[in-house]
Each structure stands twice: as C-alpha cells, then as structure tokens.
Amino acid sequence: MAYSNQSYVEHVAVRVKDIQWHINFFYEVLGMDVRKSTAPSTRRASTGL
C-alpha cells in the first residue's frame, strides 16, 4: 500500500450549542470550511475575531 506525503482530515462531527460560532471559528481561525451540513443555516458570518 502506498502512502501519500499529505495529511488531511477526512471527517469531523461535533455537537455544539452554538453552531454558528463554531463554524466561524473553524473558518476564520483554522481556515476550514463547511462542505456539507444538515443544519438549517450554516452560513459564515463575521465575528470580529
């Protein structure tokens, strides 16, 4: 089996009370984006971080 030199996160599932705050944190601080969601609204909003 050949291994790649790249590392990545395949899947993350996190239960939180304030989903929008966490979406903004993961995007603005960690540079991650939402690819798929079942939540009613997962749009990013500016938090002023």
C-alpha atoms as a PDB file:
ATOM      1  CA  MET A   1       0.000   0.000   0.000  1.00  0.00           C
ATOM      2  CA  ALA A   2       1.404   3.413  -0.981  1.00  0.00           C
ATOM      3  CA  TYR A   3       1.074   6.333   1.411  1.00  0.00           C
ATOM      4  CA  SER A   4       0.800   9.989   0.451  1.00  0.00           C
ATOM      5  CA  ASN A   5       3.044  12.689   1.938  1.00  0.00           C
ATOM      6  CA  GLN A   6      -0.035  14.854   2.537  1.00  0.00           C
ATOM      7  CA  SER A   7      -2.149  14.835   5.667  1.00  0.00           C
ATOM      8  CA  TYR A   8      -5.804  15.807   5.836  1.00  0.00           C
ATOM      9  CA  VAL A   9      -8.943  15.435   7.900  1.00  0.00           C
ATOM     10  CA  GLU A  10     -11.495  13.199   6.210  1.00  0.00           C
ATOM     11  CA  HIS A  11     -14.480  13.708   8.528  1.00  0.00           C
ATOM     12  CA  VAL A  12     -15.339  15.700  11.645  1.00  0.00           C
ATOM     13  CA  ALA A  13     -18.579  15.558  13.617  1.00  0.00           C
ATOM     14  CA  VAL A  14     -19.018  17.879  16.589  1.00  0.00           C
ATOM     15  CA  ARG A  15     -22.161  18.564  18.642  1.00  0.00           C
ATOM     16  CA  VAL A  16     -22.288  22.118  19.980  1.00  0.00           C
ATOM     17  CA  LYS A  17     -24.888  24.512  21.366  1.00  0.00           C
ATOM     18  CA  ASP A  18     -23.919  27.480  19.163  1.00  0.00           C
ATOM     19  CA  ILE A  19     -23.202  26.073  15.706  1.00  0.00           C
ATOM     20  CA  GLN A  20     -22.707  29.443  14.031  1.00  0.00           C
ATOM     21  CA  TRP A  21     -19.982  30.492  16.479  1.00  0.00           C
ATOM     22  CA  HIS A  22     -18.118  27.238  15.859  1.00  0.00           C
ATOM     23  CA  ILE A  23     -18.479  27.468  12.077  1.00  0.00           C
ATOM     24  CA  ASN A  24     -16.978  30.973  12.203  1.00  0.00           C
ATOM     25  CA  PHE A  25     -14.159  29.783  14.493  1.00  0.00           C
ATOM     26  CA  PHE A  26     -13.213  26.835  12.287  1.00  0.00           C
ATOM     27  CA  TYR A  27     -13.273  29.055   9.186  1.00  0.00           C
ATOM     28  CA  GLU A  28     -11.598  32.220  10.494  1.00  0.00           C
ATOM     29  CA  VAL A  29      -9.061  30.684  12.896  1.00  0.00           C
ATOM     30  CA  LEU A  30      -8.339  27.265  11.400  1.00  0.00           C
ATOM     31  CA  GLY A  31      -9.084  28.003   7.728  1.00  0.00           C
ATOM     32  CA  MET A  32     -11.612  25.169   7.445  1.00  0.00           C
ATOM     33  CA  ASP A  33     -14.865  25.459   5.506  1.00  0.00           C
ATOM     34  CA  VAL A  34     -18.218  23.669   5.685  1.00  0.00           C
ATOM     35  CA  ARG A  35     -18.549  21.235   2.795  1.00  0.00           C
ATOM     36  CA  LYS A  36     -21.846  19.612   3.775  1.00  0.00           C
ATOM     37  CA  SER A  37     -24.363  20.198   6.534  1.00  0.00           C
ATOM     38  CA  THR A  38     -27.819  19.080   7.613  1.00  0.00           C
ATOM     39  CA  ALA A  39     -28.251  22.157   9.834  1.00  0.00           C
ATOM     40  CA  PRO A  40     -30.883  24.721   8.754  1.00  0.00           C
ATOM     41  CA  SER A  41     -28.341  27.548   8.357  1.00  0.00           C
ATOM     42  CA  THR A  42     -24.565  27.162   8.287  1.00  0.00           C
ATOM     43  CA  ARG A  43     -23.576  30.362   6.511  1.00  0.00           C
ATOM     44  CA  ARG A  44     -20.484  32.097   7.810  1.00  0.00           C
ATOM     45  CA  ALA A  45     -20.964  35.451   9.486  1.00  0.00           C
ATOM     46  CA  SER A  46     -18.277  37.837  10.592  1.00  0.00           C
ATOM     47  CA  THR A  47     -17.490  37.500  14.294  1.00  0.00           C
ATOM     48  CA  GLY A  48     -14.746  40.078  14.513  1.00  0.00           C
ATOM     49  CA  LEU A  49     -12.116  37.527  15.558  1.00  0.00           C
END
